[in-house]
């Protein structure tokens, strides 16, 4: 079903919007702070359960800096720890340069 929006409907939407004072408060919050900051929910952060059921022991972790390859570094760090444990190897790293 297709419905074309009419000028009368737009005028009604605008009138309804302007009658609700909460809309003006939300509008000012977005205009002054941006959508992301205005919609930030601190209660959601507070209520977020940050407990994980699996703990992976780590040694030194390779820093990706700002390369945008966090998935690659994370995978290599996990593999490196398992490899080091299994083969009693120390002080080595898997190079992300070759995989990239």
PDB file of N, CA and C in Angstrom:
ATOM      1  N   UNK A   1       0.846  -1.178   0.000  1.00  0.00           N
ATOM      2  CA  UNK A   1       0.000   0.000   0.000  1.00  0.00           C
ATOM      3  C   UNK A   1       0.890   1.238   0.000  1.00  0.00           C
ATOM      4  N   UNK A   2       0.645   2.165  -0.903  1.00  0.00           N
ATOM      5  CA  UNK A   2       1.419   3.390  -1.035  1.00  0.00           C
ATOM      6  C   UNK A   2       0.551   4.564  -0.612  1.00  0.00           C
ATOM      7  N   UNK A   3       1.156   5.451   0.207  1.00  0.00           N
ATOM      8  CA  UNK A   3       0.424   6.639   0.645  1.00  0.00           C
ATOM      9  C   UNK A   3       1.324   7.849   0.455  1.00  0.00           C
ATOM     10  N   UNK A   4       0.847   8.836  -0.282  1.00  0.00           N
ATOM     11  CA  UNK A   4       1.604  10.062  -0.460  1.00  0.00           C
ATOM     12  C   UNK A   4       1.270  11.021   0.668  1.00  0.00           C
ATOM     13  N   UNK A   5       2.320  11.576   1.260  1.00  0.00           N
ATOM     14  CA  UNK A   5       2.165  12.515   2.356  1.00  0.00           C
ATOM     15  C   UNK A   5       1.653  13.845   1.821  1.00  0.00           C
ATOM     16  N   UNK A   6       0.592  14.361   2.436  1.00  0.00           N
ATOM     17  CA  UNK A   6      -0.002  15.613   1.966  1.00  0.00           C
ATOM     18  C   UNK A   6       0.511  16.783   2.798  1.00  0.00           C
ATOM     19  N   UNK A   7       0.341  17.979   2.271  1.00  0.00           N
ATOM     20  CA  UNK A   7       0.737  19.189   3.010  1.00  0.00           C
ATOM     21  C   UNK A   7      -0.102  19.349   4.274  1.00  0.00           C
ATOM     22  N   UNK A   8      -1.347  18.941   4.242  1.00  0.00           N
ATOM     23  CA  UNK A   8      -2.199  19.016   5.435  1.00  0.00           C
ATOM     24  C   UNK A   8      -1.676  18.092   6.537  1.00  0.00           C
ATOM     25  N   UNK A   9      -1.228  16.904   6.147  1.00  0.00           N
ATOM     26  CA  UNK A   9      -0.672  15.961   7.130  1.00  0.00           C
ATOM     27  C   UNK A   9       0.619  16.518   7.739  1.00  0.00           C
ATOM     28  N   UNK A  10       1.448  17.118   6.918  1.00  0.00           N
ATOM     29  CA  UNK A  10       2.690  17.710   7.422  1.00  0.00           C
ATOM     30  C   UNK A  10       2.371  18.837   8.402  1.00  0.00           C
ATOM     31  N   UNK A  11       1.418  19.654   8.072  1.00  0.00           N
ATOM     32  CA  UNK A  11       1.014  20.755   8.957  1.00  0.00           C
ATOM     33  C   UNK A  11       0.482  20.204  10.283  1.00  0.00           C
ATOM     34  N   UNK A  12      -0.265  19.118  10.227  1.00  0.00           N
ATOM     35  CA  UNK A  12      -0.800  18.482  11.450  1.00  0.00           C
ATOM     36  C   UNK A  12       0.345  17.912  12.289  1.00  0.00           C
ATOM     37  N   UNK A  13       1.313  17.270  11.644  1.00  0.00           N
ATOM     38  CA  UNK A  13       2.473  16.741  12.376  1.00  0.00           C
ATOM     39  C   UNK A  13       3.217  17.874  13.081  1.00  0.00           C
ATOM     40  N   UNK A  14       3.401  18.983  12.364  1.00  0.00           N
ATOM     41  CA  UNK A  14       4.128  20.118  12.938  1.00  0.00           C
ATOM     42  C   UNK A  14       3.358  20.707  14.126  1.00  0.00           C
ATOM     43  N   UNK A  15       2.060  20.818  13.985  1.00  0.00           N
ATOM     44  CA  UNK A  15       1.233  21.350  15.070  1.00  0.00           C
ATOM     45  C   UNK A  15       1.297  20.430  16.301  1.00  0.00           C
ATOM     46  N   UNK A  16       1.180  19.139  16.083  1.00  0.00           N
ATOM     47  CA  UNK A  16       1.259  18.180  17.193  1.00  0.00           C
ATOM     48  C   UNK A  16       2.623  18.237  17.867  1.00  0.00           C
ATOM     49  N   UNK A  17       3.683  18.358  17.050  1.00  0.00           N
ATOM     50  CA  UNK A  17       5.046  18.424  17.580  1.00  0.00           C
ATOM     51  C   UNK A  17       5.217  19.658  18.471  1.00  0.00           C
ATOM     52  N   UNK A  18       4.735  20.800  17.995  1.00  0.00           N
ATOM     53  CA  UNK A  18       4.914  22.051  18.723  1.00  0.00           C
ATOM     54  C   UNK A  18       4.072  22.119  19.998  1.00  0.00           C
ATOM     55  N   UNK A  19       2.997  21.390  20.065  1.00  0.00           N
ATOM     56  CA  UNK A  19       2.148  21.407  21.261  1.00  0.00           C
ATOM     57  C   UNK A  19       2.762  20.640  22.426  1.00  0.00           C
ATOM     58  N   UNK A  20       3.649  19.724  22.146  1.00  0.00           N
ATOM     59  CA  UNK A  20       4.276  18.918  23.200  1.00  0.00           C
ATOM     60  C   UNK A  20       5.582  19.588  23.622  1.00  0.00           C
ATOM     61  N   UNK A  21       5.635  20.140  24.843  1.00  0.00           N
ATOM     62  CA  UNK A  21       6.809  20.870  25.326  1.00  0.00           C
ATOM     63  C   UNK A  21       8.040  19.966  25.461  1.00  0.00           C
ATOM     64  N   UNK A  22       7.824  18.692  25.671  1.00  0.00           N
ATOM     65  CA  UNK A  22       8.957  17.761  25.774  1.00  0.00           C
ATOM     66  C   UNK A  22       9.728  17.675  24.452  1.00  0.00           C
ATOM     67  N   UNK A  23       9.034  17.863  23.343  1.00  0.00           N
ATOM     68  CA  UNK A  23       9.706  17.841  22.043  1.00  0.00           C
ATOM     69  C   UNK A  23      10.706  18.985  21.922  1.00  0.00           C
ATOM     70  N   UNK A  24      10.368  20.170  22.442  1.00  0.00           N
ATOM     71  CA  UNK A  24      11.272  21.315  22.377  1.00  0.00           C
ATOM     72  C   UNK A  24      12.514  21.052  23.224  1.00  0.00           C
ATOM     73  N   UNK A  25      12.347  20.433  24.392  1.00  0.00           N
ATOM     74  CA  UNK A  25      13.481  20.094  25.260  1.00  0.00           C
ATOM     75  C   UNK A  25      14.405  19.116  24.545  1.00  0.00           C
ATOM     76  N   UNK A  26      13.817  18.081  23.949  1.00  0.00           N
ATOM     77  CA  UNK A  26      14.617  17.090  23.214  1.00  0.00           C
ATOM     78  C   UNK A  26      15.298  17.741  22.018  1.00  0.00           C
ATOM     79  N   UNK A  27      14.608  18.621  21.322  1.00  0.00           N
ATOM     80  CA  UNK A  27      15.178  19.311  20.161  1.00  0.00           C
ATOM     81  C   UNK A  27      16.396  20.142  20.565  1.00  0.00           C
ATOM     82  N   UNK A  28      16.277  20.894  21.654  1.00  0.00           N
ATOM     83  CA  UNK A  28      17.399  21.714  22.129  1.00  0.00           C
ATOM     84  C   UNK A  28      18.581  20.846  22.563  1.00  0.00           C
ATOM     85  N   UNK A  29      18.285  19.733  23.209  1.00  0.00           N
ATOM     86  CA  UNK A  29      19.359  18.826  23.641  1.00  0.00           C
ATOM     87  C   UNK A  29      20.126  18.297  22.436  1.00  0.00           C
ATOM     88  N   UNK A  30      19.416  17.927  21.381  1.00  0.00           N
ATOM     89  CA  UNK A  30      20.062  17.397  20.179  1.00  0.00           C
ATOM     90  C   UNK A  30      20.825  18.490  19.440  1.00  0.00           C
ATOM     91  N   UNK A  31      20.228  19.665  19.316  1.00  0.00           N
ATOM     92  CA  UNK A  31      20.879  20.760  18.604  1.00  0.00           C
ATOM     93  C   UNK A  31      22.169  21.183  19.312  1.00  0.00           C
ATOM     94  N   UNK A  32      22.135  21.250  20.637  1.00  0.00           N
ATOM     95  CA  UNK A  32      23.297  21.719  21.401  1.00  0.00           C
ATOM     96  C   UNK A  32      24.353  20.652  21.643  1.00  0.00           C
ATOM     97  N   UNK A  33      23.980  19.372  21.606  1.00  0.00           N
ATOM     98  CA  UNK A  33      24.920  18.313  21.974  1.00  0.00           C
ATOM     99  C   UNK A  33      25.128  17.245  20.912  1.00  0.00           C
ATOM    100  N   UNK A  34      24.260  17.169  19.940  1.00  0.00           N
ATOM    101  CA  UNK A  34      24.317  16.094  18.953  1.00  0.00           C
ATOM    102  C   UNK A  34      23.442  14.930  19.404  1.00  0.00           C
ATOM    103  N   UNK A  35      23.053  14.105  18.452  1.00  0.00           N
ATOM    104  CA  UNK A  35      22.132  12.999  18.739  1.00  0.00           C
ATOM    105  C   UNK A  35      22.741  11.996  19.718  1.00  0.00           C
ATOM    106  N   UNK A  36      24.001  11.652  19.503  1.00  0.00           N
ATOM    107  CA  UNK A  36      24.616  10.611  20.326  1.00  0.00           C
ATOM    108  C   UNK A  36      24.711  11.031  21.792  1.00  0.00           C
ATOM    109  N   UNK A  37      25.186  12.243  22.054  1.00  0.00           N
ATOM    110  CA  UNK A  37      25.299  12.705  23.442  1.00  0.00           C
ATOM    111  C   UNK A  37      23.928  12.922  24.064  1.00  0.00           C
ATOM    112  N   UNK A  38      22.995  13.459  23.286  1.00  0.00           N
ATOM    113  CA  UNK A  38      21.664  13.731  23.822  1.00  0.00           C
ATOM    114  C   UNK A  38      20.906  12.454  24.156  1.00  0.00           C
ATOM    115  N   UNK A  39      21.218  11.372  23.475  1.00  0.00           N
ATOM    116  CA  UNK A  39      20.494  10.119  23.715  1.00  0.00           C
ATOM    117  C   UNK A  39      21.256   9.156  24.613  1.00  0.00           C
ATOM    118  N   UNK A  40      22.395   9.589  25.163  1.00  0.00           N
ATOM    119  CA  UNK A  40      23.195   8.726  26.042  1.00  0.00           C
ATOM    120  C   UNK A  40      22.377   8.338  27.268  1.00  0.00           C
ATOM    121  N   UNK A  41      22.372   7.051  27.574  1.00  0.00           N
ATOM    122  CA  UNK A  41      21.588   6.540  28.700  1.00  0.00           C
ATOM    123  C   UNK A  41      22.539   6.034  29.780  1.00  0.00           C
ATOM    124  N   UNK A  42      22.768   6.845  30.807  1.00  0.00           N
ATOM    125  CA  UNK A  42      23.698   6.449  31.867  1.00  0.00           C
ATOM    126  C   UNK A  42      23.145   5.287  32.697  1.00  0.00           C
ATOM    127  N   UNK A  43      21.844   5.147  32.758  1.00  0.00           N
ATOM    128  CA  UNK A  43      21.260   4.008  33.481  1.00  0.00           C
ATOM    129  C   UNK A  43      21.586   2.701  32.776  1.00  0.00           C
ATOM    130  N   UNK A  44      21.589   2.727  31.461  1.00  0.00           N
ATOM    131  CA  UNK A  44      21.939   1.534  30.702  1.00  0.00           C
ATOM    132  C   UNK A  44      23.370   1.106  30.968  1.00  0.00           C
ATOM    133  N   UNK A  45      24.278   2.059  31.072  1.00  0.00           N
ATOM    134  CA  UNK A  45      25.680   1.754  31.381  1.00  0.00           C
ATOM    135  C   UNK A  45      25.791   1.189  32.792  1.00  0.00           C
ATOM    136  N   UNK A  46      25.092   1.797  33.725  1.00  0.00           N
ATOM    137  CA  UNK A  46      25.143   1.352  35.124  1.00  0.00           C
ATOM    138  C   UNK A  46      24.603  -0.072  35.273  1.00  0.00           C
ATOM    139  N   UNK A  47      23.552  -0.383  34.540  1.00  0.00           N
ATOM    140  CA  UNK A  47      22.906  -1.691  34.671  1.00  0.00           C
ATOM    141  C   UNK A  47      23.564  -2.781  33.832  1.00  0.00           C
ATOM    142  N   UNK A  48      24.539  -2.418  32.990  1.00  0.00           N
ATOM    143  CA  UNK A  48      25.200  -3.397  32.135  1.00  0.00           C
ATOM    144  C   UNK A  48      25.994  -4.387  32.981  1.00  0.00           C
ATOM    145  N   UNK A  49      25.749  -5.645  32.787  1.00  0.00           N
ATOM    146  CA  UNK A  49      26.464  -6.682  33.526  1.00  0.00           C
ATOM    147  C   UNK A  49      27.804  -6.922  32.848  1.00  0.00           C
ATOM    148  N   UNK A  50      28.883  -6.577  33.537  1.00  0.00           N
ATOM    149  CA  UNK A  50      30.223  -6.706  32.968  1.00  0.00           C
ATOM    150  C   UNK A  50      30.947  -7.935  33.499  1.00  0.00           C
ATOM    151  N   UNK A  51      30.193  -8.917  33.941  1.00  0.00           N
ATOM    152  CA  UNK A  51      30.788 -10.142  34.453  1.00  0.00           C
ATOM    153  C   UNK A  51      30.866 -11.160  33.327  1.00  0.00           C
ATOM    154  N   UNK A  52      32.047 -11.711  33.135  1.00  0.00           N
ATOM    155  CA  UNK A  52      32.238 -12.691  32.081  1.00  0.00           C
ATOM    156  C   UNK A  52      32.467 -14.053  32.711  1.00  0.00           C
ATOM    157  N   UNK A  53      31.993 -15.085  32.072  1.00  0.00           N
ATOM    158  CA  UNK A  53      32.091 -16.424  32.636  1.00  0.00           C
ATOM    159  C   UNK A  53      33.376 -17.128  32.227  1.00  0.00           C
ATOM    160  N   UNK A  54      34.100 -16.580  31.256  1.00  0.00           N
ATOM    161  CA  UNK A  54      35.330 -17.217  30.802  1.00  0.00           C
ATOM    162  C   UNK A  54      36.477 -16.224  30.968  1.00  0.00           C
ATOM    163  N   UNK A  55      37.505 -16.639  31.650  1.00  0.00           N
ATOM    164  CA  UNK A  55      38.690 -15.816  31.843  1.00  0.00           C
ATOM    165  C   UNK A  55      39.839 -16.472  31.092  1.00  0.00           C
ATOM    166  N   UNK A  56      40.467 -15.747  30.211  1.00  0.00           N
ATOM    167  CA  UNK A  56      41.587 -16.272  29.444  1.00  0.00           C
ATOM    168  C   UNK A  56      42.862 -15.665  30.020  1.00  0.00           C
ATOM    169  N   UNK A  57      43.778 -16.505  30.493  1.00  0.00           N
ATOM    170  CA  UNK A  57      45.025 -15.951  31.018  1.00  0.00           C
ATOM    171  C   UNK A  57      45.827 -15.295  29.890  1.00  0.00           C
ATOM    172  N   UNK A  58      46.425 -14.163  30.192  1.00  0.00           N
ATOM    173  CA  UNK A  58      47.188 -13.455  29.168  1.00  0.00           C
ATOM    174  C   UNK A  58      48.586 -13.131  29.667  1.00  0.00           C
ATOM    175  N   UNK A  59      49.483 -13.025  28.732  1.00  0.00           N
ATOM    176  CA  UNK A  59      50.822 -12.534  29.002  1.00  0.00           C
ATOM    177  C   UNK A  59      50.878 -11.135  28.403  1.00  0.00           C
ATOM    178  N   UNK A  60      51.973 -10.800  27.764  1.00  0.00           N
ATOM    179  CA  UNK A  60      52.049  -9.516  27.071  1.00  0.00           C
ATOM    180  C   UNK A  60      51.122  -9.549  25.865  1.00  0.00           C
ATOM    181  N   UNK A  61      50.446  -8.450  25.624  1.00  0.00           N
ATOM    182  CA  UNK A  61      49.500  -8.357  24.524  1.00  0.00           C
ATOM    183  C   UNK A  61      50.034  -7.365  23.508  1.00  0.00           C
ATOM    184  N   UNK A  62      49.935  -7.704  22.232  1.00  0.00           N
ATOM    185  CA  UNK A  62      50.406  -6.826  21.168  1.00  0.00           C
ATOM    186  C   UNK A  62      49.403  -5.696  20.962  1.00  0.00           C
ATOM    187  N   UNK A  63      49.901  -4.489  20.888  1.00  0.00           N
ATOM    188  CA  UNK A  63      49.051  -3.315  20.729  1.00  0.00           C
ATOM    189  C   UNK A  63      48.864  -3.003  19.246  1.00  0.00           C
ATOM    190  N   UNK A  64      47.623  -2.932  18.806  1.00  0.00           N
ATOM    191  CA  UNK A  64      47.353  -2.634  17.403  1.00  0.00           C
ATOM    192  C   UNK A  64      47.456  -1.139  17.107  1.00  0.00           C
ATOM    193  N   UNK A  65      47.576  -0.330  18.126  1.00  0.00           N
ATOM    194  CA  UNK A  65      47.554   1.128  18.006  1.00  0.00           C
ATOM    195  C   UNK A  65      46.269   1.517  17.280  1.00  0.00           C
ATOM    196  N   UNK A  66      46.330   2.206  16.175  1.00  0.00           N
ATOM    197  CA  UNK A  66      45.104   2.614  15.476  1.00  0.00           C
ATOM    198  C   UNK A  66      45.059   2.043  14.065  1.00  0.00           C
ATOM    199  N   UNK A  67      45.475   0.795  13.942  1.00  0.00           N
ATOM    200  CA  UNK A  67      45.540   0.195  12.611  1.00  0.00           C
ATOM    201  C   UNK A  67      44.188  -0.296  12.108  1.00  0.00           C
ATOM    202  N   UNK A  68      43.205  -0.428  12.990  1.00  0.00           N
ATOM    203  CA  UNK A  68      41.895  -0.904  12.570  1.00  0.00           C
ATOM    204  C   UNK A  68      41.824  -2.403  12.378  1.00  0.00           C
ATOM    205  N   UNK A  69      42.811  -3.110  12.902  1.00  0.00           N
ATOM    206  CA  UNK A  69      42.836  -4.564  12.732  1.00  0.00           C
ATOM    207  C   UNK A  69      42.706  -5.266  14.079  1.00  0.00           C
ATOM    208  N   UNK A  70      41.831  -4.778  14.974  1.00  0.00           N
ATOM    209  CA  UNK A  70      41.709  -5.333  16.316  1.00  0.00           C
ATOM    210  C   UNK A  70      41.355  -6.820  16.276  1.00  0.00           C
ATOM    211  N   UNK A  71      40.531  -7.225  15.323  1.00  0.00           N
ATOM    212  CA  UNK A  71      40.151  -8.636  15.207  1.00  0.00           C
ATOM    213  C   UNK A  71      41.374  -9.505  14.966  1.00  0.00           C
ATOM    214  N   UNK A  72      42.310  -9.020  14.159  1.00  0.00           N
ATOM    215  CA  UNK A  72      43.517  -9.774  13.843  1.00  0.00           C
ATOM    216  C   UNK A  72      44.436  -9.860  15.056  1.00  0.00           C
ATOM    217  N   UNK A  73      44.634  -8.733  15.739  1.00  0.00           N
ATOM    218  CA  UNK A  73      45.490  -8.722  16.920  1.00  0.00           C
ATOM    219  C   UNK A  73      44.910  -9.597  18.031  1.00  0.00           C
ATOM    220  N   UNK A  74      43.597  -9.517  18.230  1.00  0.00           N
ATOM    221  CA  UNK A  74      42.958 -10.326  19.265  1.00  0.00           C
ATOM    222  C   UNK A  74      43.143 -11.811  18.983  1.00  0.00           C
ATOM    223  N   UNK A  75      42.931 -12.219  17.747  1.00  0.00           N
ATOM    224  CA  UNK A  75      43.073 -13.634  17.385  1.00  0.00           C
ATOM    225  C   UNK A  75      44.511 -14.102  17.567  1.00  0.00           C
ATOM    226  N   UNK A  76      45.474 -13.291  17.118  1.00  0.00           N
ATOM    227  CA  UNK A  76      46.878 -13.683  17.260  1.00  0.00           C
ATOM    228  C   UNK A  76      47.314 -13.731  18.720  1.00  0.00           C
ATOM    229  N   UNK A  77      46.813 -12.815  19.537  1.00  0.00           N
ATOM    230  CA  UNK A  77      47.166 -12.840  20.959  1.00  0.00           C
ATOM    231  C   UNK A  77      46.656 -14.112  21.632  1.00  0.00           C
ATOM    232  N   UNK A  78      45.438 -14.513  21.315  1.00  0.00           N
ATOM    233  CA  UNK A  78      44.882 -15.742  21.891  1.00  0.00           C
ATOM    234  C   UNK A  78      45.673 -16.955  21.410  1.00  0.00           C
ATOM    235  N   UNK A  79      45.953 -17.011  20.104  1.00  0.00           N
ATOM    236  CA  UNK A  79      46.726 -18.135  19.563  1.00  0.00           C
ATOM    237  C   UNK A  79      48.137 -18.186  20.154  1.00  0.00           C
ATOM    238  N   UNK A  80      48.750 -17.009  20.315  1.00  0.00           N
ATOM    239  CA  UNK A  80      50.114 -16.964  20.846  1.00  0.00           C
ATOM    240  C   UNK A  80      50.184 -17.524  22.262  1.00  0.00           C
ATOM    241  N   UNK A  81      49.202 -17.199  23.082  1.00  0.00           N
ATOM    242  CA  UNK A  81      49.192 -17.704  24.464  1.00  0.00           C
ATOM    243  C   UNK A  81      49.020 -19.216  24.491  1.00  0.00           C
ATOM    244  N   UNK A  82      48.134 -19.731  23.641  1.00  0.00           N
ATOM    245  CA  UNK A  82      47.924 -21.174  23.600  1.00  0.00           C
ATOM    246  C   UNK A  82      49.172 -21.882  23.064  1.00  0.00           C
ATOM    247  N   UNK A  83      49.765 -21.339  22.028  1.00  0.00           N
ATOM    248  CA  UNK A  83      50.980 -21.910  21.444  1.00  0.00           C
ATOM    249  C   UNK A  83      52.111 -21.912  22.477  1.00  0.00           C
ATOM    250  N   UNK A  84      52.292 -20.802  23.161  1.00  0.00           N
ATOM    251  CA  UNK A  84      53.362 -20.694  24.158  1.00  0.00           C
ATOM    252  C   UNK A  84      53.174 -21.715  25.271  1.00  0.00           C
ATOM    253  N   UNK A  85      51.950 -21.907  25.695  1.00  0.00           N
ATOM    254  CA  UNK A  85      51.681 -22.875  26.758  1.00  0.00           C
ATOM    255  C   UNK A  85      51.936 -24.302  26.265  1.00  0.00           C
ATOM    256  N   UNK A  86      51.446 -24.614  25.082  1.00  0.00           N
ATOM    257  CA  UNK A  86      51.559 -25.976  24.551  1.00  0.00           C
ATOM    258  C   UNK A  86      53.014 -26.349  24.239  1.00  0.00           C
ATOM    259  N   UNK A  87      53.790 -25.400  23.709  1.00  0.00           N
ATOM    260  CA  UNK A  87      55.156 -25.703  23.277  1.00  0.00           C
ATOM    261  C   UNK A  87      56.230 -25.104  24.197  1.00  0.00           C
ATOM    262  N   UNK A  88      55.804 -24.621  25.346  1.00  0.00           N
ATOM    263  CA  UNK A  88      56.714 -24.048  26.337  1.00  0.00           C
ATOM    264  C   UNK A  88      57.622 -23.000  25.715  1.00  0.00           C
ATOM    265  N   UNK A  89      57.068 -22.201  24.839  1.00  0.00           N
ATOM    266  CA  UNK A  89      57.834 -21.156  24.142  1.00  0.00           C
ATOM    267  C   UNK A  89      57.674 -19.837  24.888  1.00  0.00           C
ATOM    268  N   UNK A  90      58.721 -19.034  24.880  1.00  0.00           N
ATOM    269  CA  UNK A  90      58.673 -17.730  25.535  1.00  0.00           C
ATOM    270  C   UNK A  90      59.234 -16.675  24.599  1.00  0.00           C
ATOM    271  N   UNK A  91      58.818 -15.450  24.831  1.00  0.00           N
ATOM    272  CA  UNK A  91      59.350 -14.291  24.113  1.00  0.00           C
ATOM    273  C   UNK A  91      59.295 -14.426  22.594  1.00  0.00           C
ATOM    274  N   UNK A  92      58.149 -14.702  22.073  1.00  0.00           N
ATOM    275  CA  UNK A  92      57.962 -14.723  20.627  1.00  0.00           C
ATOM    276  C   UNK A  92      56.621 -14.079  20.318  1.00  0.00           C
ATOM    277  N   UNK A  93      56.405 -13.785  19.071  1.00  0.00           N
ATOM    278  CA  UNK A  93      55.120 -13.218  18.671  1.00  0.00           C
ATOM    279  C   UNK A  93      54.772 -13.702  17.270  1.00  0.00           C
ATOM    280  N   UNK A  94      53.494 -13.753  16.980  1.00  0.00           N
ATOM    281  CA  UNK A  94      53.039 -14.003  15.621  1.00  0.00           C
ATOM    282  C   UNK A  94      52.933 -12.647  14.940  1.00  0.00           C
ATOM    283  N   UNK A  95      53.433 -12.505  13.757  1.00  0.00           N
ATOM    284  CA  UNK A  95      53.436 -11.226  13.083  1.00  0.00           C
ATOM    285  C   UNK A  95      52.118 -11.008  12.330  1.00  0.00           C
ATOM    286  N   UNK A  96      51.431  -9.945  12.697  1.00  0.00           N
ATOM    287  CA  UNK A  96      50.195  -9.595  12.004  1.00  0.00           C
ATOM    288  C   UNK A  96      50.479  -9.062  10.606  1.00  0.00           C
ATOM    289  N   UNK A  97      51.703  -8.645  10.357  1.00  0.00           N
ATOM    290  CA  UNK A  97      52.062  -8.100   9.033  1.00  0.00           C
ATOM    291  C   UNK A  97      51.903  -9.143   7.933  1.00  0.00           C
ATOM    292  N   UNK A  98      52.279 -10.382   8.226  1.00  0.00           N
ATOM    293  CA  UNK A  98      52.173 -11.425   7.219  1.00  0.00           C
ATOM    294  C   UNK A  98      50.723 -11.810   6.945  1.00  0.00           C
ATOM    295  N   UNK A  99      49.910 -11.787   7.978  1.00  0.00           N
ATOM    296  CA  UNK A  99      48.505 -12.153   7.794  1.00  0.00           C
ATOM    297  C   UNK A  99      47.713 -11.068   7.097  1.00  0.00           C
ATOM    298  N   UNK A 100      48.079  -9.837   7.344  1.00  0.00           N
ATOM    299  CA  UNK A 100      47.334  -8.727   6.760  1.00  0.00           C
ATOM    300  C   UNK A 100      47.531  -8.715   5.265  1.00  0.00           C
TER     301      UNK A 100
END
